[in-house]
N, C-alpha and C. Protein backbone atom coordinates (compact mmCIF):
# COMPACT_ATOMS: atom_id res chain seq x y z
N MET A 1 4.88 18.03 -44.57
CA MET A 1 4.53 16.76 -43.99
C MET A 1 3.03 16.53 -44.00
N GLY A 2 2.26 17.53 -43.57
CA GLY A 2 0.82 17.35 -43.49
C GLY A 2 0.10 18.06 -44.61
N VAL A 3 -1.18 17.85 -44.67
CA VAL A 3 -2.02 18.51 -45.65
C VAL A 3 -2.34 19.90 -45.12
N VAL A 4 -2.29 20.91 -45.98
CA VAL A 4 -2.58 22.28 -45.58
C VAL A 4 -3.99 22.35 -44.99
N GLY A 5 -4.10 23.00 -43.83
CA GLY A 5 -5.40 23.15 -43.21
C GLY A 5 -5.78 22.02 -42.26
N ARG A 6 -5.00 20.97 -42.21
CA ARG A 6 -5.28 19.86 -41.30
C ARG A 6 -4.15 19.75 -40.28
N SER A 7 -4.54 19.53 -39.05
CA SER A 7 -3.50 19.36 -38.04
C SER A 7 -3.16 17.88 -37.92
N ILE A 8 -1.92 17.63 -37.55
CA ILE A 8 -1.44 16.27 -37.37
C ILE A 8 -1.77 15.85 -35.94
N PRO A 9 -2.40 14.69 -35.75
CA PRO A 9 -2.75 14.24 -34.39
C PRO A 9 -1.50 14.11 -33.51
N LEU A 10 -1.64 14.40 -32.23
CA LEU A 10 -0.53 14.37 -31.28
C LEU A 10 0.21 13.03 -31.30
N PRO A 11 -0.48 11.88 -31.24
CA PRO A 11 0.28 10.62 -31.26
C PRO A 11 1.17 10.47 -32.49
N VAL A 12 0.72 10.96 -33.63
CA VAL A 12 1.53 10.89 -34.85
C VAL A 12 2.74 11.79 -34.72
N LYS A 13 2.55 13.00 -34.20
CA LYS A 13 3.67 13.92 -33.99
C LYS A 13 4.70 13.30 -33.04
N LEU A 14 4.23 12.71 -31.95
CA LEU A 14 5.13 12.12 -30.97
C LEU A 14 5.89 10.93 -31.56
N ALA A 15 5.22 10.12 -32.35
CA ALA A 15 5.89 8.97 -32.99
C ALA A 15 6.98 9.46 -33.94
N ARG A 16 6.68 10.48 -34.70
CA ARG A 16 7.67 11.03 -35.63
C ARG A 16 8.87 11.60 -34.88
N ARG A 17 8.59 12.32 -33.78
CA ARG A 17 9.68 12.87 -32.97
C ARG A 17 10.56 11.76 -32.39
N LEU A 18 9.92 10.69 -31.94
CA LEU A 18 10.66 9.57 -31.36
C LEU A 18 11.59 8.94 -32.39
N LEU A 19 11.08 8.73 -33.60
CA LEU A 19 11.91 8.17 -34.67
C LEU A 19 13.06 9.11 -35.02
N GLU A 20 12.76 10.38 -35.08
CA GLU A 20 13.79 11.38 -35.39
C GLU A 20 14.84 11.44 -34.28
N TYR A 21 14.39 11.46 -33.03
CA TYR A 21 15.30 11.54 -31.88
C TYR A 21 16.30 10.38 -31.88
N HIS A 22 15.81 9.18 -32.17
CA HIS A 22 16.67 7.99 -32.15
C HIS A 22 17.28 7.70 -33.52
N LYS A 23 17.03 8.60 -34.49
CA LYS A 23 17.56 8.46 -35.85
C LYS A 23 17.19 7.09 -36.44
N LEU A 24 15.92 6.75 -36.33
CA LEU A 24 15.42 5.47 -36.81
C LEU A 24 14.69 5.64 -38.13
N THR A 25 14.80 4.62 -38.96
CA THR A 25 14.00 4.54 -40.17
C THR A 25 13.31 3.17 -40.17
N VAL A 26 12.20 3.10 -40.86
CA VAL A 26 11.44 1.86 -40.93
C VAL A 26 12.12 0.93 -41.91
N PRO A 27 12.28 -0.35 -41.60
CA PRO A 27 11.91 -1.01 -40.35
C PRO A 27 13.00 -0.80 -39.29
N PHE A 28 12.61 -0.86 -38.02
CA PHE A 28 13.56 -0.75 -36.92
C PHE A 28 13.20 -1.80 -35.87
N ASN A 29 14.11 -2.01 -34.93
CA ASN A 29 13.91 -3.02 -33.90
C ASN A 29 13.08 -2.41 -32.76
N LEU A 30 11.80 -2.73 -32.74
CA LEU A 30 10.88 -2.17 -31.75
C LEU A 30 11.27 -2.56 -30.33
N GLU A 31 11.70 -3.79 -30.15
CA GLU A 31 12.10 -4.25 -28.82
C GLU A 31 13.26 -3.41 -28.27
N GLU A 32 14.25 -3.15 -29.10
CA GLU A 32 15.39 -2.33 -28.68
C GLU A 32 14.96 -0.90 -28.37
N LEU A 33 14.01 -0.37 -29.12
CA LEU A 33 13.50 0.97 -28.86
C LEU A 33 12.80 1.02 -27.50
N VAL A 34 11.97 0.02 -27.21
CA VAL A 34 11.29 -0.02 -25.91
C VAL A 34 12.32 -0.08 -24.79
N LYS A 35 13.38 -0.87 -24.97
CA LYS A 35 14.42 -1.02 -23.94
C LYS A 35 15.15 0.29 -23.66
N LYS A 36 15.12 1.24 -24.60
CA LYS A 36 15.74 2.55 -24.36
C LYS A 36 14.89 3.40 -23.43
N HIS A 37 13.63 3.01 -23.23
CA HIS A 37 12.71 3.81 -22.43
C HIS A 37 12.16 3.07 -21.21
N ALA A 38 12.41 1.76 -21.13
CA ALA A 38 11.82 0.98 -20.04
C ALA A 38 12.58 -0.33 -19.86
N THR A 39 12.37 -0.95 -18.71
CA THR A 39 12.81 -2.32 -18.52
C THR A 39 11.76 -3.20 -19.20
N LEU A 40 12.19 -4.17 -19.97
CA LEU A 40 11.27 -5.01 -20.72
C LEU A 40 11.34 -6.43 -20.22
N VAL A 41 10.16 -6.99 -19.92
CA VAL A 41 10.06 -8.36 -19.42
C VAL A 41 8.99 -9.09 -20.22
N TYR A 42 9.33 -10.29 -20.67
CA TYR A 42 8.35 -11.19 -21.26
C TYR A 42 8.01 -12.22 -20.20
N LYS A 43 6.73 -12.40 -19.95
CA LYS A 43 6.31 -13.27 -18.87
C LYS A 43 4.95 -13.86 -19.20
N THR A 44 4.75 -15.11 -18.78
CA THR A 44 3.44 -15.71 -18.91
C THR A 44 2.50 -15.01 -17.95
N ILE A 45 1.42 -14.48 -18.46
CA ILE A 45 0.40 -13.84 -17.63
C ILE A 45 -0.82 -14.75 -17.66
N PRO A 46 -1.06 -15.44 -16.55
CA PRO A 46 -2.11 -16.46 -16.53
C PRO A 46 -3.52 -15.90 -16.36
N MET A 47 -3.80 -14.82 -17.06
CA MET A 47 -5.12 -14.19 -16.96
C MET A 47 -5.59 -13.85 -18.37
N THR A 48 -6.81 -14.15 -18.67
CA THR A 48 -7.39 -13.84 -19.97
C THR A 48 -7.53 -12.33 -20.12
N GLY A 49 -7.18 -11.83 -21.28
CA GLY A 49 -7.41 -10.42 -21.58
C GLY A 49 -6.28 -9.48 -21.21
N ILE A 50 -5.16 -9.98 -20.70
CA ILE A 50 -4.03 -9.10 -20.39
C ILE A 50 -2.90 -9.46 -21.34
N ASP A 51 -2.63 -8.55 -22.28
CA ASP A 51 -1.55 -8.76 -23.24
C ASP A 51 -0.26 -8.14 -22.74
N GLY A 52 -0.39 -7.11 -21.91
CA GLY A 52 0.78 -6.43 -21.38
C GLY A 52 0.36 -5.32 -20.45
N VAL A 53 1.35 -4.79 -19.75
CA VAL A 53 1.09 -3.71 -18.81
C VAL A 53 2.36 -2.89 -18.65
N THR A 54 2.20 -1.61 -18.35
CA THR A 54 3.34 -0.75 -18.03
C THR A 54 3.18 -0.30 -16.60
N ILE A 55 4.21 -0.52 -15.81
CA ILE A 55 4.17 -0.09 -14.41
C ILE A 55 5.24 0.98 -14.19
N ASN A 56 5.05 1.74 -13.11
CA ASN A 56 5.95 2.85 -12.75
C ASN A 56 5.99 3.90 -13.85
N LEU A 57 4.87 4.11 -14.47
CA LEU A 57 4.79 5.04 -15.58
C LEU A 57 4.92 6.47 -15.09
N LYS A 58 6.03 7.09 -15.45
CA LYS A 58 6.33 8.48 -15.08
C LYS A 58 6.33 8.69 -13.57
N VAL A 59 6.78 7.68 -12.82
CA VAL A 59 6.95 7.82 -11.37
C VAL A 59 8.35 8.36 -11.15
N PRO A 60 8.48 9.51 -10.48
CA PRO A 60 9.82 10.09 -10.27
C PRO A 60 10.78 9.09 -9.63
N GLY A 61 11.97 8.98 -10.23
CA GLY A 61 13.01 8.10 -9.70
C GLY A 61 12.88 6.64 -10.10
N LYS A 62 11.84 6.29 -10.86
CA LYS A 62 11.65 4.89 -11.27
C LYS A 62 11.61 4.79 -12.79
N VAL A 63 12.23 3.73 -13.28
CA VAL A 63 12.20 3.44 -14.71
C VAL A 63 10.92 2.66 -14.99
N PRO A 64 10.17 3.03 -16.02
CA PRO A 64 8.98 2.24 -16.34
C PRO A 64 9.36 0.78 -16.63
N LYS A 65 8.43 -0.11 -16.36
CA LYS A 65 8.63 -1.54 -16.63
C LYS A 65 7.49 -2.00 -17.52
N VAL A 66 7.84 -2.55 -18.68
CA VAL A 66 6.85 -3.09 -19.61
C VAL A 66 6.87 -4.61 -19.47
N VAL A 67 5.72 -5.17 -19.17
CA VAL A 67 5.56 -6.62 -19.07
C VAL A 67 4.67 -7.05 -20.24
N VAL A 68 5.19 -7.97 -21.06
CA VAL A 68 4.46 -8.46 -22.23
C VAL A 68 4.14 -9.94 -22.00
N ASN A 69 2.89 -10.29 -22.27
CA ASN A 69 2.45 -11.67 -22.08
C ASN A 69 3.12 -12.57 -23.13
N SER A 70 3.98 -13.46 -22.66
CA SER A 70 4.72 -14.34 -23.57
C SER A 70 3.86 -15.46 -24.15
N ASN A 71 2.62 -15.60 -23.67
CA ASN A 71 1.70 -16.60 -24.23
C ASN A 71 1.02 -16.12 -25.52
N MET A 72 1.14 -14.85 -25.81
CA MET A 72 0.50 -14.29 -27.00
C MET A 72 1.34 -14.60 -28.24
N PRO A 73 0.69 -14.64 -29.42
CA PRO A 73 1.45 -14.80 -30.66
C PRO A 73 2.44 -13.65 -30.84
N LYS A 74 3.53 -13.91 -31.55
CA LYS A 74 4.59 -12.90 -31.74
C LYS A 74 4.05 -11.60 -32.33
N THR A 75 3.11 -11.68 -33.26
CA THR A 75 2.56 -10.46 -33.84
C THR A 75 1.80 -9.65 -32.78
N ARG A 76 1.09 -10.32 -31.89
CA ARG A 76 0.37 -9.62 -30.83
C ARG A 76 1.36 -9.02 -29.82
N GLN A 77 2.45 -9.73 -29.55
CA GLN A 77 3.47 -9.20 -28.65
C GLN A 77 4.06 -7.91 -29.22
N LYS A 78 4.28 -7.89 -30.52
CA LYS A 78 4.83 -6.69 -31.17
C LYS A 78 3.85 -5.53 -31.07
N PHE A 79 2.57 -5.80 -31.31
CA PHE A 79 1.55 -4.76 -31.16
C PHE A 79 1.55 -4.24 -29.72
N THR A 80 1.62 -5.16 -28.75
CA THR A 80 1.60 -4.77 -27.34
C THR A 80 2.81 -3.92 -27.00
N LEU A 81 3.98 -4.26 -27.54
CA LEU A 81 5.18 -3.44 -27.32
C LEU A 81 4.94 -2.01 -27.79
N ALA A 82 4.41 -1.87 -28.99
CA ALA A 82 4.15 -0.53 -29.54
C ALA A 82 3.12 0.21 -28.69
N HIS A 83 2.09 -0.49 -28.27
CA HIS A 83 1.04 0.11 -27.45
C HIS A 83 1.60 0.60 -26.12
N GLU A 84 2.38 -0.23 -25.46
CA GLU A 84 2.96 0.16 -24.16
C GLU A 84 3.96 1.29 -24.32
N LEU A 85 4.71 1.30 -25.42
CA LEU A 85 5.62 2.42 -25.69
C LEU A 85 4.83 3.72 -25.82
N GLY A 86 3.65 3.63 -26.43
CA GLY A 86 2.78 4.80 -26.53
C GLY A 86 2.42 5.35 -25.16
N HIS A 87 2.15 4.45 -24.21
CA HIS A 87 1.86 4.91 -22.84
C HIS A 87 3.05 5.68 -22.27
N ILE A 88 4.25 5.25 -22.60
CA ILE A 88 5.45 5.89 -22.05
C ILE A 88 5.70 7.25 -22.68
N ILE A 89 5.51 7.37 -23.98
CA ILE A 89 5.90 8.63 -24.65
C ILE A 89 4.80 9.67 -24.71
N ILE A 90 3.55 9.28 -24.49
CA ILE A 90 2.47 10.27 -24.53
C ILE A 90 2.41 10.96 -23.17
N PRO A 91 2.62 12.26 -23.14
CA PRO A 91 2.76 12.98 -21.87
C PRO A 91 1.57 12.89 -20.91
N SER A 92 0.37 12.71 -21.43
CA SER A 92 -0.81 12.73 -20.55
C SER A 92 -0.97 11.46 -19.73
N HIS A 93 -0.23 10.39 -20.07
CA HIS A 93 -0.33 9.16 -19.29
C HIS A 93 0.53 9.26 -18.04
N THR A 94 -0.02 8.89 -16.90
CA THR A 94 0.73 8.91 -15.65
C THR A 94 0.38 7.67 -14.83
N GLY A 95 1.21 7.36 -13.83
CA GLY A 95 0.93 6.28 -12.89
C GLY A 95 1.15 4.91 -13.50
N THR A 96 0.36 3.97 -13.07
CA THR A 96 0.40 2.59 -13.57
C THR A 96 -0.89 2.35 -14.32
N ILE A 97 -0.80 1.92 -15.56
CA ILE A 97 -1.98 1.71 -16.37
C ILE A 97 -2.44 0.26 -16.20
N VAL A 98 -3.51 0.08 -15.46
CA VAL A 98 -4.13 -1.23 -15.30
C VAL A 98 -5.63 -0.98 -15.28
N ASP A 99 -6.34 -1.73 -16.07
CA ASP A 99 -7.79 -1.58 -16.11
C ASP A 99 -8.37 -1.75 -14.72
N GLU A 100 -9.28 -0.91 -14.34
CA GLU A 100 -9.81 -0.94 -12.97
C GLU A 100 -10.58 -2.20 -12.63
N ILE A 101 -10.91 -3.03 -13.62
CA ILE A 101 -11.60 -4.27 -13.28
C ILE A 101 -10.66 -5.29 -12.65
N TYR A 102 -9.35 -5.06 -12.79
CA TYR A 102 -8.38 -5.97 -12.22
C TYR A 102 -8.04 -5.55 -10.79
N THR A 103 -7.91 -6.52 -9.93
CA THR A 103 -7.61 -6.25 -8.52
C THR A 103 -6.12 -6.14 -8.31
N GLN A 104 -5.72 -5.77 -7.09
CA GLN A 104 -4.30 -5.73 -6.75
C GLN A 104 -3.68 -7.11 -6.90
N ASP A 105 -4.44 -8.17 -6.59
CA ASP A 105 -3.92 -9.52 -6.77
C ASP A 105 -3.55 -9.79 -8.23
N ALA A 106 -4.38 -9.30 -9.15
CA ALA A 106 -4.09 -9.47 -10.58
C ALA A 106 -2.82 -8.72 -10.96
N LEU A 107 -2.65 -7.51 -10.45
CA LEU A 107 -1.43 -6.73 -10.73
C LEU A 107 -0.22 -7.46 -10.19
N ASN A 108 -0.34 -8.06 -9.01
CA ASN A 108 0.76 -8.81 -8.44
C ASN A 108 1.16 -10.00 -9.32
N ILE A 109 0.17 -10.67 -9.91
CA ILE A 109 0.46 -11.79 -10.81
C ILE A 109 1.24 -11.30 -12.02
N VAL A 110 0.81 -10.18 -12.59
CA VAL A 110 1.45 -9.63 -13.78
C VAL A 110 2.88 -9.21 -13.48
N THR A 111 3.09 -8.55 -12.34
CA THR A 111 4.40 -7.99 -12.03
C THR A 111 5.31 -8.96 -11.30
N GLY A 112 4.78 -10.08 -10.83
CA GLY A 112 5.60 -11.05 -10.14
C GLY A 112 5.85 -10.73 -8.68
N LYS A 113 5.05 -9.86 -8.10
CA LYS A 113 5.23 -9.49 -6.69
C LYS A 113 4.44 -10.40 -5.80
């Protein structure tokens, strides 16, 4: 798979494992793959600079929730889906990923609370 003497980056290894685990080949339905790992919601996010967010990330007893900004172009939504899935499958990510410049009020807008 790799070139002799070079290690394969962890995100690449994890992506390959994910495809193998679900017996997927390219092209595949990214939305359906995300739904196997999280609750998926498309929602208008009335804030500039937020394409999506993952909440309840690796919180015991809770299923992660991926919120994708439905105001973005379809290609950007697809990129955001892949990005948020990366947060779910990469072991070092924990908690809720929200940029610290956003307040709790902003998180409430995104999540609908």
